[in-house]
Amino acid sequence: MLLEDIRTIVNGFSIEYNRTPITFNLYKELVKPPKPKSFRNNEVGIFADKMIPSFFEKNKIKLKIVNSFERLRLMGYPDERIADKYGRVTYLEVKATSRRDVGSPRDFFFFPLTNSKKKITEDGHHLLLCFDTLERKEKEFIITGWCLIDLFGIKVSMKPEFNTDNLELYRKENILLEVNLNRKK
């Protein structure tokens, strides 16, 4: 029943944006993001992530088991939290691609500690909702299909990285050697 409800929600979105192209102007109007430098599949995925919860609201009366569909606002994985009438939780990541058959890497940014504790609060299924898109004209995409993927069995590689700012990085106690050729004596 969960999959049927997800199908109802996602089909509503997909059919609407198969008929109505997702344009750069529509993206800016409905998503109200910081202005992106480009408009690609990544932005179509962001558009879908932000718009799909409204399709939960539009289809609420038709749903059999899903009783909440919440967009998780912090950056990183996952994008959505779905709860059913039995209290079970499913986490959903939303992506878009026009090249499903090309093996380019897909990034899922998981921010450890503070953000992850705020987003992943319960045990649950972890799913990927991937939209297939077609760029009909420059900066004009339509949804041509979608699939729901169980993330439990996928093979992943981990690229550890750290993020900091200059204030933390250049603290005096962190510097081992320093040369300043412009310093006046």
Foldseek 3Di string as FASTA:
>chain_A
DVVVLVCQLVVVVQVVQQVPWQFLVNLCVPVVDDRDPFADQASVQVSCLVCSQVSCVVCVVVDDWWDHWAADPDDFPDGIWIATPVGAIETEHTGEDQCPPDPDDDDTGDDPDPSNCVPCVDDHWYKYKYFHWDQPDGRIIHTPDIDIGGPPPDDDDDDDDDDDDPVVCPDPVNDPDDDDPPDDD
